[in-house]
Amino acid sequence: MSLTEKGRKFPPDSERAAIGSGDLAHEVAAALRREFGERSGMTKTVARIAGARERTVKNWLAGSHGPSGDHLIALMRQSEEVLAAVLRLSGREALLQGNRIADAETRLQDSLRVMGELLEEFRGGRH
């Protein structure tokens, strides 16, 4: 029984955005540079985060190869830039906006809490 016989259909090729491994490699390289800059020790830092060898990370940074699934997930856990690149490549940019809104809300709540504490200290000091 085929997928279409079960009522499941894949979108036509025209609706799917095909990405090549080169696109992923290029986007991850750019994301890592944005996140970690060109500072010394960057290769070692990324290797530690991803659980990869330094030579492998150098290939990622050169854009000649993209990370494997396990390495990519490890990078996405630690790098907002890599996460954003993967979401853009997958056509899920809306998730980026949701994350940014949630982060802004958290920062705002933290700021309001600190302001409240400072206000309490100020009022307490005047009495």
PDB file of N, CA and C in Angstrom:
ATOM      1  N   MET A   1       0.854  -1.171   0.000  1.00  0.00           N
ATOM      2  CA  MET A   1       0.000   0.000   0.000  1.00  0.00           C
ATOM      3  C   MET A   1       0.904   1.239   0.000  1.00  0.00           C
ATOM      4  N   SER A   2       0.670   2.156  -0.906  1.00  0.00           N
ATOM      5  CA  SER A   2       1.495   3.366  -1.003  1.00  0.00           C
ATOM      6  C   SER A   2       0.999   4.425  -0.015  1.00  0.00           C
ATOM      7  N   LEU A   3       1.810   5.436   0.153  1.00  0.00           N
ATOM      8  CA  LEU A   3       1.420   6.521   1.051  1.00  0.00           C
ATOM      9  C   LEU A   3       0.146   7.207   0.584  1.00  0.00           C
ATOM     10  N   THR A   4       0.000   7.379  -0.729  1.00  0.00           N
ATOM     11  CA  THR A   4      -1.192   8.069  -1.229  1.00  0.00           C
ATOM     12  C   THR A   4      -2.440   7.233  -1.030  1.00  0.00           C
ATOM     13  N   GLU A   5      -2.298   5.925  -1.006  1.00  0.00           N
ATOM     14  CA  GLU A   5      -3.460   5.079  -0.759  1.00  0.00           C
ATOM     15  C   GLU A   5      -3.956   5.231   0.669  1.00  0.00           C
ATOM     16  N   LYS A   6      -3.067   5.597   1.572  1.00  0.00           N
ATOM     17  CA  LYS A   6      -3.452   5.830   2.961  1.00  0.00           C
ATOM     18  C   LYS A   6      -3.910   7.269   3.179  1.00  0.00           C
ATOM     19  N   GLY A   7      -3.912   8.061   2.115  1.00  0.00           N
ATOM     20  CA  GLY A   7      -4.356   9.443   2.237  1.00  0.00           C
ATOM     21  C   GLY A   7      -3.258  10.409   2.621  1.00  0.00           C
ATOM     22  N   ARG A   8      -2.016   9.955   2.692  1.00  0.00           N
ATOM     23  CA  ARG A   8      -0.908  10.835   3.023  1.00  0.00           C
ATOM     24  C   ARG A   8      -0.198  11.210   1.735  1.00  0.00           C
ATOM     25  N   LYS A   9       0.018  12.493   1.564  1.00  0.00           N
ATOM     26  CA  LYS A   9       0.683  12.957   0.360  1.00  0.00           C
ATOM     27  C   LYS A   9       1.816  13.901   0.729  1.00  0.00           C
ATOM     28  N   PHE A  10       2.864  13.812  -0.030  1.00  0.00           N
ATOM     29  CA  PHE A  10       3.954  14.761   0.114  1.00  0.00           C
ATOM     30  C   PHE A  10       3.648  15.954  -0.773  1.00  0.00           C
ATOM     31  N   PRO A  11       4.070  17.153  -0.354  1.00  0.00           N
ATOM     32  CA  PRO A  11       3.818  18.309  -1.215  1.00  0.00           C
ATOM     33  C   PRO A  11       4.581  18.165  -2.528  1.00  0.00           C
ATOM     34  N   PRO A  12       4.059  18.726  -3.595  1.00  0.00           N
ATOM     35  CA  PRO A  12       4.770  18.673  -4.869  1.00  0.00           C
ATOM     36  C   PRO A  12       6.131  19.346  -4.751  1.00  0.00           C
ATOM     37  N   ASP A  13       7.046  18.985  -5.643  1.00  0.00           N
ATOM     38  CA  ASP A  13       8.393  19.555  -5.609  1.00  0.00           C
ATOM     39  C   ASP A  13       8.384  21.072  -5.624  1.00  0.00           C
ATOM     40  N   SER A  14       7.407  21.653  -6.305  1.00  0.00           N
ATOM     41  CA  SER A  14       7.350  23.115  -6.384  1.00  0.00           C
ATOM     42  C   SER A  14       7.048  23.749  -5.033  1.00  0.00           C
ATOM     43  N   GLU A  15       6.442  23.007  -4.118  1.00  0.00           N
ATOM     44  CA  GLU A  15       6.105  23.549  -2.795  1.00  0.00           C
ATOM     45  C   GLU A  15       7.196  23.273  -1.767  1.00  0.00           C
ATOM     46  N   ARG A  16       8.088  22.368  -2.078  1.00  0.00           N
ATOM     47  CA  ARG A  16       9.171  22.052  -1.159  1.00  0.00           C
ATOM     48  C   ARG A  16      10.415  22.826  -1.559  1.00  0.00           C
ATOM     49  N   ALA A  17      11.016  23.469  -0.607  1.00  0.00           N
ATOM     50  CA  ALA A  17      12.263  24.166  -0.877  1.00  0.00           C
ATOM     51  C   ALA A  17      13.402  23.181  -0.659  1.00  0.00           C
ATOM     52  N   ALA A  18      14.027  22.793  -1.732  1.00  0.00           N
ATOM     53  CA  ALA A  18      15.131  21.850  -1.621  1.00  0.00           C
ATOM     54  C   ALA A  18      16.376  22.597  -1.167  1.00  0.00           C
ATOM     55  N   ILE A  19      17.027  22.048  -0.166  1.00  0.00           N
ATOM     56  CA  ILE A  19      18.304  22.615   0.247  1.00  0.00           C
ATOM     57  C   ILE A  19      19.353  21.556   0.036  1.00  0.00           C
ATOM     58  N   GLY A  20      20.492  21.982  -0.351  1.00  0.00           N
ATOM     59  CA  GLY A  20      21.597  21.058  -0.536  1.00  0.00           C
ATOM     60  C   GLY A  20      22.491  21.065   0.681  1.00  0.00           C
ATOM     61  N   SER A  21      23.352  20.074   0.763  1.00  0.00           N
ATOM     62  CA  SER A  21      24.263  20.011   1.906  1.00  0.00           C
ATOM     63  C   SER A  21      25.197  21.222   1.911  1.00  0.00           C
ATOM     64  N   GLY A  22      25.467  21.780   0.712  1.00  0.00           N
ATOM     65  CA  GLY A  22      26.290  22.982   0.643  1.00  0.00           C
ATOM     66  C   GLY A  22      25.619  24.173   1.291  1.00  0.00           C
ATOM     67  N   ASP A  23      24.295  24.265   1.141  1.00  0.00           N
ATOM     68  CA  ASP A  23      23.550  25.352   1.786  1.00  0.00           C
ATOM     69  C   ASP A  23      23.678  25.246   3.300  1.00  0.00           C
ATOM     70  N   LEU A  24      23.490  24.053   3.813  1.00  0.00           N
ATOM     71  CA  LEU A  24      23.604  23.841   5.255  1.00  0.00           C
ATOM     72  C   LEU A  24      25.019  24.159   5.727  1.00  0.00           C
ATOM     73  N   ALA A  25      26.010  23.650   5.011  1.00  0.00           N
ATOM     74  CA  ALA A  25      27.402  23.887   5.404  1.00  0.00           C
ATOM     75  C   ALA A  25      27.707  25.378   5.428  1.00  0.00           C
ATOM     76  N   HIS A  26      27.285  26.095   4.397  1.00  0.00           N
ATOM     77  CA  HIS A  26      27.537  27.530   4.312  1.00  0.00           C
ATOM     78  C   HIS A  26      26.820  28.277   5.447  1.00  0.00           C
ATOM     79  N   GLU A  27      25.565  27.947   5.681  1.00  0.00           N
ATOM     80  CA  GLU A  27      24.786  28.631   6.717  1.00  0.00           C
ATOM     81  C   GLU A  27      25.325  28.360   8.118  1.00  0.00           C
ATOM     82  N   VAL A  28      25.731  27.125   8.384  1.00  0.00           N
ATOM     83  CA  VAL A  28      26.294  26.796   9.703  1.00  0.00           C
ATOM     84  C   VAL A  28      27.618  27.523   9.897  1.00  0.00           C
ATOM     85  N   ALA A  29      28.450  27.555   8.860  1.00  0.00           N
ATOM     86  CA  ALA A  29      29.723  28.272   8.966  1.00  0.00           C
ATOM     87  C   ALA A  29      29.489  29.736   9.296  1.00  0.00           C
ATOM     88  N   ALA A  30      28.560  30.366   8.585  1.00  0.00           N
ATOM     89  CA  ALA A  30      28.261  31.780   8.827  1.00  0.00           C
ATOM     90  C   ALA A  30      27.691  31.983  10.232  1.00  0.00           C
ATOM     91  N   ALA A  31      26.822  31.077  10.661  1.00  0.00           N
ATOM     92  CA  ALA A  31      26.212  31.182  11.991  1.00  0.00           C
ATOM     93  C   ALA A  31      27.266  31.051  13.088  1.00  0.00           C
ATOM     94  N   LEU A  32      28.183  30.117  12.922  1.00  0.00           N
ATOM     95  CA  LEU A  32      29.236  29.930  13.932  1.00  0.00           C
ATOM     96  C   LEU A  32      30.126  31.163  14.015  1.00  0.00           C
ATOM     97  N   ARG A  33      30.421  31.771  12.876  1.00  0.00           N
ATOM     98  CA  ARG A  33      31.234  32.989  12.892  1.00  0.00           C
ATOM     99  C   ARG A  33      30.497  34.139  13.580  1.00  0.00           C
ATOM    100  N   ARG A  34      29.192  34.249  13.314  1.00  0.00           N
ATOM    101  CA  ARG A  34      28.418  35.310  13.974  1.00  0.00           C
ATOM    102  C   ARG A  34      28.371  35.079  15.486  1.00  0.00           C
ATOM    103  N   GLU A  35      28.186  33.835  15.878  1.00  0.00           N
ATOM    104  CA  GLU A  35      28.047  33.512  17.307  1.00  0.00           C
ATOM    105  C   GLU A  35      29.368  33.643  18.060  1.00  0.00           C
ATOM    106  N   PHE A  36      30.438  33.109  17.481  1.00  0.00           N
ATOM    107  CA  PHE A  36      31.696  32.999  18.202  1.00  0.00           C
ATOM    108  C   PHE A  36      32.783  33.941  17.701  1.00  0.00           C
ATOM    109  N   GLY A  37      32.524  34.646  16.598  1.00  0.00           N
ATOM    110  CA  GLY A  37      33.516  35.563  16.053  1.00  0.00           C
ATOM    111  C   GLY A  37      34.708  34.826  15.493  1.00  0.00           C
ATOM    112  N   GLU A  38      35.744  35.573  15.205  1.00  0.00           N
ATOM    113  CA  GLU A  38      36.970  34.993  14.640  1.00  0.00           C
ATOM    114  C   GLU A  38      38.074  34.949  15.687  1.00  0.00           C
ATOM    115  N   ARG A  39      37.695  34.856  16.931  1.00  0.00           N
ATOM    116  CA  ARG A  39      38.685  34.918  18.009  1.00  0.00           C
ATOM    117  C   ARG A  39      39.480  33.612  18.108  1.00  0.00           C
ATOM    118  N   SER A  40      40.627  33.720  18.731  1.00  0.00           N
ATOM    119  CA  SER A  40      41.455  32.526  18.917  1.00  0.00           C
ATOM    120  C   SER A  40      40.748  31.586  19.887  1.00  0.00           C
ATOM    121  N   GLY A  41      40.900  30.319  19.667  1.00  0.00           N
ATOM    122  CA  GLY A  41      40.261  29.326  20.518  1.00  0.00           C
ATOM    123  C   GLY A  41      38.849  28.980  20.099  1.00  0.00           C
ATOM    124  N   MET A  42      38.351  29.637  19.050  1.00  0.00           N
ATOM    125  CA  MET A  42      36.990  29.385  18.595  1.00  0.00           C
ATOM    126  C   MET A  42      36.813  27.928  18.167  1.00  0.00           C
ATOM    127  N   THR A  43      37.790  27.402  17.447  1.00  0.00           N
ATOM    128  CA  THR A  43      37.689  26.020  16.958  1.00  0.00           C
ATOM    129  C   THR A  43      37.574  25.061  18.133  1.00  0.00           C
ATOM    130  N   LYS A  44      38.381  25.261  19.143  1.00  0.00           N
ATOM    131  CA  LYS A  44      38.338  24.386  20.320  1.00  0.00           C
ATOM    132  C   LYS A  44      37.014  24.516  21.056  1.00  0.00           C
ATOM    133  N   THR A  45      36.513  25.737  21.172  1.00  0.00           N
ATOM    134  CA  THR A  45      35.235  25.959  21.844  1.00  0.00           C
ATOM    135  C   THR A  45      34.108  25.242  21.125  1.00  0.00           C
ATOM    136  N   VAL A  46      34.048  25.411  19.806  1.00  0.00           N
ATOM    137  CA  VAL A  46      32.992  24.771  19.023  1.00  0.00           C
ATOM    138  C   VAL A  46      33.138  23.253  19.079  1.00  0.00           C
ATOM    139  N   ALA A  47      34.371  22.761  19.013  1.00  0.00           N
ATOM    140  CA  ALA A  47      34.607  21.313  19.083  1.00  0.00           C
ATOM    141  C   ALA A  47      34.101  20.750  20.413  1.00  0.00           C
ATOM    142  N   ARG A  48      34.363  21.470  21.492  1.00  0.00           N
ATOM    143  CA  ARG A  48      33.911  21.014  22.813  1.00  0.00           C
ATOM    144  C   ARG A  48      32.386  21.011  22.886  1.00  0.00           C
ATOM    145  N   ILE A  49      31.769  22.072  22.407  1.00  0.00           N
ATOM    146  CA  ILE A  49      30.307  22.179  22.437  1.00  0.00           C
ATOM    147  C   ILE A  49      29.649  21.060  21.639  1.00  0.00           C
ATOM    148  N   ALA A  50      30.199  20.785  20.460  1.00  0.00           N
ATOM    149  CA  ALA A  50      29.575  19.812  19.555  1.00  0.00           C
ATOM    150  C   ALA A  50      30.030  18.384  19.800  1.00  0.00           C
ATOM    151  N   GLY A  51      31.096  18.208  20.574  1.00  0.00           N
ATOM    152  CA  GLY A  51      31.642  16.864  20.768  1.00  0.00           C
ATOM    153  C   GLY A  51      32.296  16.349  19.500  1.00  0.00           C
ATOM    154  N   ALA A  52      32.963  17.253  18.786  1.00  0.00           N
ATOM    155  CA  ALA A  52      33.592  16.902  17.514  1.00  0.00           C
ATOM    156  C   ALA A  52      35.092  17.164  17.589  1.00  0.00           C
ATOM    157  N   ARG A  53      35.808  16.635  16.619  1.00  0.00           N
ATOM    158  CA  ARG A  53      37.250  16.893  16.526  1.00  0.00           C
ATOM    159  C   ARG A  53      37.489  18.266  15.917  1.00  0.00           C
ATOM    160  N   GLU A  54      38.633  18.842  16.250  1.00  0.00           N
ATOM    161  CA  GLU A  54      38.955  20.170  15.744  1.00  0.00           C
ATOM    162  C   GLU A  54      39.033  20.203  14.220  1.00  0.00           C
ATOM    163  N   ARG A  55      39.589  19.168  13.604  1.00  0.00           N
ATOM    164  CA  ARG A  55      39.668  19.130  12.139  1.00  0.00           C
ATOM    165  C   ARG A  55      38.263  19.172  11.532  1.00  0.00           C
ATOM    166  N   THR A  56      37.327  18.474  12.167  1.00  0.00           N
ATOM    167  CA  THR A  56      35.939  18.477  11.701  1.00  0.00           C
ATOM    168  C   THR A  56      35.354  19.879  11.783  1.00  0.00           C
ATOM    169  N   VAL A  57      35.599  20.554  12.891  1.00  0.00           N
ATOM    170  CA  VAL A  57      35.092  21.917  13.080  1.00  0.00           C
ATOM    171  C   VAL A  57      35.713  22.863  12.056  1.00  0.00           C
ATOM    172  N   LYS A  58      36.983  22.691  11.763  1.00  0.00           N
ATOM    173  CA  LYS A  58      37.625  23.526  10.749  1.00  0.00           C
ATOM    174  C   LYS A  58      36.939  23.350   9.399  1.00  0.00           C
ATOM    175  N   ASN A  59      36.531  22.132   9.069  1.00  0.00           N
ATOM    176  CA  ASN A  59      35.780  21.897   7.828  1.00  0.00           C
ATOM    177  C   ASN A  59      34.434  22.606   7.862  1.00  0.00           C
ATOM    178  N   TRP A  60      33.775  22.612   9.026  1.00  0.00           N
ATOM    179  CA  TRP A  60      32.497  23.325   9.153  1.00  0.00           C
ATOM    180  C   TRP A  60      32.712  24.811   8.921  1.00  0.00           C
ATOM    181  N   LEU A  61      33.742  25.356   9.561  1.00  0.00           N
ATOM    182  CA  LEU A  61      34.010  26.784   9.461  1.00  0.00           C
ATOM    183  C   LEU A  61      34.404  27.194   8.051  1.00  0.00           C
ATOM    184  N   ALA A  62      35.019  26.279   7.320  1.00  0.00           N
ATOM    185  CA  ALA A  62      35.375  26.551   5.930  1.00  0.00           C
ATOM    186  C   ALA A  62      34.159  26.437   5.014  1.00  0.00           C
ATOM    187  N   GLY A  63      33.085  25.845   5.521  1.00  0.00           N
ATOM    188  CA  GLY A  63      31.886  25.659   4.717  1.00  0.00           C
ATOM    189  C   GLY A  63      31.989  24.507   3.741  1.00  0.00           C
ATOM    190  N   SER A  64      33.041  23.674   3.889  1.00  0.00           N
ATOM    191  CA  SER A  64      33.213  22.547   2.967  1.00  0.00           C
ATOM    192  C   SER A  64      32.362  21.350   3.359  1.00  0.00           C
ATOM    193  N   HIS A  65      32.019  21.265   4.623  1.00  0.00           N
ATOM    194  CA  HIS A  65      31.157  20.190   5.128  1.00  0.00           C
ATOM    195  C   HIS A  65      30.264  20.749   6.218  1.00  0.00           C
ATOM    196  N   GLY A  66      29.068  20.218   6.322  1.00  0.00           N
ATOM    197  CA  GLY A  66      28.164  20.593   7.399  1.00  0.00           C
ATOM    198  C   GLY A  66      28.223  19.545   8.503  1.00  0.00           C
ATOM    199  N   PRO A  67      27.770  19.889   9.684  1.00  0.00           N
ATOM    200  CA  PRO A  67      27.786  18.938  10.793  1.00  0.00           C
ATOM    201  C   PRO A  67      26.780  17.805  10.582  1.00  0.00           C
ATOM    202  N   SER A  68      27.098  16.647  11.160  1.00  0.00           N
ATOM    203  CA  SER A  68      26.160  15.523  11.148  1.00  0.00           C
ATOM    204  C   SER A  68      24.992  15.855  12.062  1.00  0.00           C
ATOM    205  N   GLY A  69      23.984  15.029  12.044  1.00  0.00           N
ATOM    206  CA  GLY A  69      22.784  15.280  12.843  1.00  0.00           C
ATOM    207  C   GLY A  69      23.069  15.481  14.318  1.00  0.00           C
ATOM    208  N   ASP A  70      23.840  14.580  14.920  1.00  0.00           N
ATOM    209  CA  ASP A  70      24.142  14.694  16.351  1.00  0.00           C
ATOM    210  C   ASP A  70      24.905  15.976  16.658  1.00  0.00           C
ATOM    211  N   HIS A  71      25.892  16.279  15.824  1.00  0.00           N
ATOM    212  CA  HIS A  71      26.666  17.504  16.038  1.00  0.00           C
ATOM    213  C   HIS A  71      25.805  18.744  15.830  1.00  0.00           C
ATOM    214  N   LEU A  72      24.947  18.688  14.841  1.00  0.00           N
ATOM    215  CA  LEU A  72      24.083  19.833  14.558  1.00  0.00           C
ATOM    216  C   LEU A  72      23.150  20.104  15.734  1.00  0.00           C
ATOM    217  N   ILE A  73      22.583  19.068  16.300  1.00  0.00           N
ATOM    218  CA  ILE A  73      21.696  19.239  17.456  1.00  0.00           C
ATOM    219  C   ILE A  73      22.460  19.821  18.633  1.00  0.00           C
ATOM    220  N   ALA A  74      23.674  19.342  18.877  1.00  0.00           N
ATOM    221  CA  ALA A  74      24.487  19.883  19.970  1.00  0.00           C
ATOM    222  C   ALA A  74      24.769  21.363  19.739  1.00  0.00           C
ATOM    223  N   LEU A  75      25.063  21.736  18.496  1.00  0.00           N
ATOM    224  CA  LEU A  75      25.312  23.145  18.182  1.00  0.00           C
ATOM    225  C   LEU A  75      24.058  23.985  18.367  1.00  0.00           C
ATOM    226  N   MET A  76      22.924  23.441  17.941  1.00  0.00           N
ATOM    227  CA  MET A  76      21.662  24.174  18.079  1.00  0.00           C
ATOM    228  C   MET A  76      21.309  24.405  19.539  1.00  0.00           C
ATOM    229  N   ARG A  77      21.695  23.504  20.421  1.00  0.00           N
ATOM    230  CA  ARG A  77      21.425  23.675  21.856  1.00  0.00           C
ATOM    231  C   ARG A  77      22.195  24.847  22.433  1.00  0.00           C
ATOM    232  N   GLN A  78      23.390  25.106  21.907  1.00  0.00           N
ATOM    233  CA  GLN A  78      24.272  26.104  22.499  1.00  0.00           C
ATOM    234  C   GLN A  78      24.363  27.398  21.709  1.00  0.00           C
ATOM    235  N   SER A  79      23.934  27.396  20.457  1.00  0.00           N
ATOM    236  CA  SER A  79      24.119  28.561  19.603  1.00  0.00           C
ATOM    237  C   SER A  79      22.782  29.036  19.040  1.00  0.00           C
ATOM    238  N   GLU A  80      22.385  30.233  19.442  1.00  0.00           N
ATOM    239  CA  GLU A  80      21.170  30.835  18.894  1.00  0.00           C
ATOM    240  C   GLU A  80      21.304  31.051  17.398  1.00  0.00           C
ATOM    241  N   GLU A  81      22.502  31.375  16.948  1.00  0.00           N
ATOM    242  CA  GLU A  81      22.723  31.632  15.520  1.00  0.00           C
ATOM    243  C   GLU A  81      22.552  30.370  14.690  1.00  0.00           C
ATOM    244  N   VAL A  82      23.077  29.248  15.170  1.00  0.00           N
ATOM    245  CA  VAL A  82      22.918  27.989  14.435  1.00  0.00           C
ATOM    246  C   VAL A  82      21.452  27.572  14.443  1.00  0.00           C
ATOM    247  N   LEU A  83      20.799  27.699  15.579  1.00  0.00           N
ATOM    248  CA  LEU A  83      19.376  27.380  15.652  1.00  0.00           C
ATOM    249  C   LEU A  83      18.589  28.214  14.651  1.00  0.00           C
ATOM    250  N   ALA A  84      18.862  29.509  14.623  1.00  0.00           N
ATOM    251  CA  ALA A  84      18.161  30.398  13.699  1.00  0.00           C
ATOM    252  C   ALA A  84      18.423  30.015  12.245  1.00  0.00           C
ATOM    253  N   ALA A  85      19.652  29.652  11.927  1.00  0.00           N
ATOM    254  CA  ALA A  85      19.988  29.266  10.550  1.00  0.00           C
ATOM    255  C   ALA A  85      19.222  28.021  10.132  1.00  0.00           C
ATOM    256  N   VAL A  86      19.149  27.040  11.015  1.00  0.00           N
ATOM    257  CA  VAL A  86      18.439  25.797  10.694  1.00  0.00           C
ATOM    258  C   VAL A  86      16.940  26.068  10.546  1.00  0.00           C
ATOM    259  N   LEU A  87      16.395  26.885  11.410  1.00  0.00           N
ATOM    260  CA  LEU A  87      14.966  27.215  11.296  1.00  0.00           C
ATOM    261  C   LEU A  87      14.678  27.970  10.002  1.00  0.00           C
ATOM    262  N   ARG A  88      15.576  28.881   9.616  1.00  0.00           N
ATOM    263  CA  ARG A  88      15.392  29.590   8.337  1.00  0.00           C
ATOM    264  C   ARG A  88      15.454  28.618   7.166  1.00  0.00           C
ATOM    265  N   LEU A  89      16.437  27.726   7.176  1.00  0.00           N
ATOM    266  CA  LEU A  89      16.574  26.755   6.083  1.00  0.00           C
ATOM    267  C   LEU A  89      15.370  25.826   5.994  1.00  0.00           C
ATOM    268  N   SER A  90      14.754  25.558   7.130  1.00  0.00           N
ATOM    269  CA  SER A  90      13.601  24.647   7.143  1.00  0.00           C
ATOM    270  C   SER A  90      12.279  25.372   6.912  1.00  0.00           C
ATOM    271  N   GLY A  91      12.347  26.688   6.700  1.00  0.00           N
ATOM    272  CA  GLY A  91      11.128  27.449   6.456  1.00  0.00           C
ATOM    273  C   GLY A  91      10.294  27.669   7.706  1.00  0.00           C
ATOM    274  N   ARG A  92      10.922  27.646   8.870  1.00  0.00           N
ATOM    275  CA  ARG A  92      10.201  27.793  10.136  1.00  0.00           C
ATOM    276  C   ARG A  92      10.590  29.084  10.856  1.00  0.00           C
ATOM    277  N   GLU A  93      10.709  30.169  10.092  1.00  0.00           N
ATOM    278  CA  GLU A  93      11.119  31.450  10.658  1.00  0.00           C
ATOM    279  C   GLU A  93      10.193  31.938  11.761  1.00  0.00           C
ATOM    280  N   ALA A  94       8.925  31.561  11.692  1.00  0.00           N
ATOM    281  CA  ALA A  94       7.963  32.008  12.710  1.00  0.00           C
ATOM    282  C   ALA A  94       8.380  31.543  14.100  1.00  0.00           C
ATOM    283  N   LEU A  95       9.027  30.398  14.188  1.00  0.00           N
ATOM    284  CA  LEU A  95       9.493  29.919  15.488  1.00  0.00           C
ATOM    285  C   LEU A  95      10.555  30.854  16.067  1.00  0.00           C
ATOM    286  N   LEU A  96      11.344  31.464  15.191  1.00  0.00           N
ATOM    287  CA  LEU A  96      12.338  32.431  15.653  1.00  0.00           C
ATOM    288  C   LEU A  96      11.670  33.606  16.340  1.00  0.00           C
ATOM    289  N   GLN A  97      10.607  34.107  15.750  1.00  0.00           N
ATOM    290  CA  GLN A  97       9.898  35.239  16.333  1.00  0.00           C
ATOM    291  C   GLN A  97       9.302  34.863  17.679  1.00  0.00           C
ATOM    292  N   GLY A  98       8.753  33.664  17.782  1.00  0.00           N
ATOM    293  CA  GLY A  98       8.199  33.204  19.055  1.00  0.00           C
ATOM    294  C   GLY A  98       9.264  33.148  20.134  1.00  0.00           C
ATOM    295  N   ASN A  99      10.447  32.658  19.783  1.00  0.00           N
ATOM    296  CA  ASN A  99      11.555  32.598  20.742  1.00  0.00           C
ATOM    297  C   ASN A  99      11.990  33.993  21.163  1.00  0.00           C
ATOM    298  N   ARG A 100      12.063  34.908  20.206  1.00  0.00           N
ATOM    299  CA  ARG A 100      12.477  36.269  20.523  1.00  0.00           C
ATOM    300  C   ARG A 100      11.466  36.946  21.440  1.00  0.00           C
ATOM    301  N   ILE A 101      10.175  36.713  21.202  1.00  0.00           N
ATOM    302  CA  ILE A 101       9.132  37.291  22.058  1.00  0.00           C
ATOM    303  C   ILE A 101       9.242  36.729  23.469  1.00  0.00           C
ATOM    304  N   ALA A 102       9.422  35.423  23.582  1.00  0.00           N
ATOM    305  CA  ALA A 102       9.544  34.794  24.901  1.00  0.00           C
ATOM    306  C   ALA A 102      10.774  35.316  25.638  1.00  0.00           C
ATOM    307  N   ASP A 103      11.889  35.482  24.926  1.00  0.00           N
ATOM    308  CA  ASP A 103      13.107  36.017  25.554  1.00  0.00           C
ATOM    309  C   ASP A 103      12.897  37.456  26.023  1.00  0.00           C
ATOM    310  N   ALA A 104      12.241  38.251  25.184  1.00  0.00           N
ATOM    311  CA  ALA A 104      11.981  39.643  25.559  1.00  0.00           C
ATOM    312  C   ALA A 104      11.069  39.718  26.783  1.00  0.00           C
ATOM    313  N   GLU A 105      10.081  38.842  26.827  1.00  0.00           N
ATOM    314  CA  GLU A 105       9.168  38.821  27.974  1.00  0.00           C
ATOM    315  C   GLU A 105       9.918  38.467  29.256  1.00  0.00           C
ATOM    316  N   THR A 106      10.805  37.490  29.167  1.00  0.00           N
ATOM    317  CA  THR A 106      11.593  37.089  30.337  1.00  0.00           C
ATOM    318  C   THR A 106      12.474  38.233  30.818  1.00  0.00           C
ATOM    319  N   ARG A 107      13.142  38.904  29.867  1.00  0.00           N
ATOM    320  CA  ARG A 107      14.000  40.036  30.241  1.00  0.00           C
ATOM    321  C   ARG A 107      13.180  41.168  30.867  1.00  0.00           C
ATOM    322  N   LEU A 108      11.993  41.419  30.319  1.00  0.00           N
ATOM    323  CA  LEU A 108      11.133  42.458  30.864  1.00  0.00           C
ATOM    324  C   LEU A 108      10.693  42.109  32.282  1.00  0.00           C
ATOM    325  N   GLN A 109      10.306  40.866  32.503  1.00  0.00           N
ATOM    326  CA  GLN A 109       9.895  40.446  33.847  1.00  0.00           C
ATOM    327  C   GLN A 109      11.051  40.565  34.831  1.00  0.00           C
ATOM    328  N   ASP A 110      12.267  40.196  34.395  1.00  0.00           N
ATOM    329  CA  ASP A 110      13.441  40.336  35.256  1.00  0.00           C
ATOM    330  C   ASP A 110      13.687  41.807  35.598  1.00  0.00           C
ATOM    331  N   SER A 111      13.557  42.675  34.611  1.00  0.00           N
ATOM    332  CA  SER A 111      13.762  44.110  34.838  1.00  0.00           C
ATOM    333  C   SER A 111      12.727  44.663  35.805  1.00  0.00           C
ATOM    334  N   LEU A 112      11.476  44.259  35.647  1.00  0.00           N
ATOM    335  CA  LEU A 112      10.424  44.718  36.545  1.00  0.00           C
ATOM    336  C   LEU A 112      10.652  44.233  37.973  1.00  0.00           C
ATOM    337  N   ARG A 113      11.145  43.005  38.114  1.00  0.00           N
ATOM    338  CA  ARG A 113      11.444  42.471  39.439  1.00  0.00           C
ATOM    339  C   ARG A 113      12.546  43.290  40.102  1.00  0.00           C
ATOM    340  N   VAL A 114      13.615  43.575  39.353  1.00  0.00           N
ATOM    341  CA  VAL A 114      14.720  44.367  39.897  1.00  0.00           C
ATOM    342  C   VAL A 114      14.237  45.768  40.252  1.00  0.00           C
ATOM    343  N   MET A 115      13.434  46.365  39.386  1.00  0.00           N
ATOM    344  CA  MET A 115      12.898  47.696  39.673  1.00  0.00           C
ATOM    345  C   MET A 115      12.058  47.672  40.945  1.00  0.00           C
ATOM    346  N   GLY A 116      11.248  46.650  41.114  1.00  0.00           N
ATOM    347  CA  GLY A 116      10.441  46.522  42.321  1.00  0.00           C
ATOM    348  C   GLY A 116      11.301  46.404  43.567  1.00  0.00           C
ATOM    349  N   GLU A 117      12.374  45.601  43.474  1.00  0.00           N
ATOM    350  CA  GLU A 117      13.284  45.455  44.617  1.00  0.00           C
ATOM    351  C   GLU A 117      13.961  46.778  44.949  1.00  0.00           C
ATOM    352  N   LEU A 118      14.409  47.503  43.921  1.00  0.00           N
ATOM    353  CA  LEU A 118      15.055  48.791  44.150  1.00  0.00           C
ATOM    354  C   LEU A 118      14.076  49.795  44.756  1.00  0.00           C
ATOM    355  N   LEU A 119      12.856  49.780  44.285  1.00  0.00           N
ATOM    356  CA  LEU A 119      11.832  50.678  44.817  1.00  0.00           C
ATOM    357  C   LEU A 119      11.561  50.372  46.280  1.00  0.00           C
ATOM    358  N   GLU A 120      11.485  49.093  46.624  1.00  0.00           N
ATOM    359  CA  GLU A 120      11.273  48.702  48.020  1.00  0.00           C
ATOM    360  C   GLU A 120      12.439  49.161  48.897  1.00  0.00           C
ATOM    361  N   GLU A 121      13.669  49.012  48.401  1.00  0.00           N
ATOM    362  CA  GLU A 121      14.839  49.455  49.158  1.00  0.00           C
ATOM    363  C   GLU A 121      14.798  50.978  49.337  1.00  0.00           C
ATOM    364  N   PHE A 122      14.428  51.695  48.280  1.00  0.00           N
ATOM    365  CA  PHE A 122      14.359  53.157  48.345  1.00  0.00           C
ATOM    366  C   PHE A 122      13.310  53.592  49.366  1.00  0.00           C
ATOM    367  N   ARG A 123      12.135  52.978  49.304  1.00  0.00           N
ATOM    368  CA  ARG A 123      11.061  53.338  50.250  1.00  0.00           C
ATOM    369  C   ARG A 123      11.423  52.959  51.669  1.00  0.00           C
ATOM    370  N   GLY A 124      12.083  51.834  51.818  1.00  0.00           N
ATOM    371  CA  GLY A 124      12.479  51.381  53.144  1.00  0.00           C
ATOM    372  C   GLY A 124      13.553  52.270  53.764  1.00  0.00           C
ATOM    373  N   GLY A 125      14.422  52.838  52.936  1.00  0.00           N
ATOM    374  CA  GLY A 125      15.493  53.702  53.415  1.00  0.00           C
ATOM    375  C   GLY A 125      15.016  55.074  53.826  1.00  0.00           C
ATOM    376  N   ARG A 126      13.863  55.501  53.360  1.00  0.00           N
ATOM    377  CA  ARG A 126      13.344  56.841  53.665  1.00  0.00           C
ATOM    378  C   ARG A 126      12.618  56.872  54.996  1.00  0.00           C
ATOM    379  N   HIS A 127      12.274  55.736  55.537  1.00  0.00           N
ATOM    380  CA  HIS A 127      11.482  55.730  56.775  1.00  0.00           C
ATOM    381  C   HIS A 127      12.336  55.634  57.971  1.00  0.00           C
TER     382      HIS A 127
END
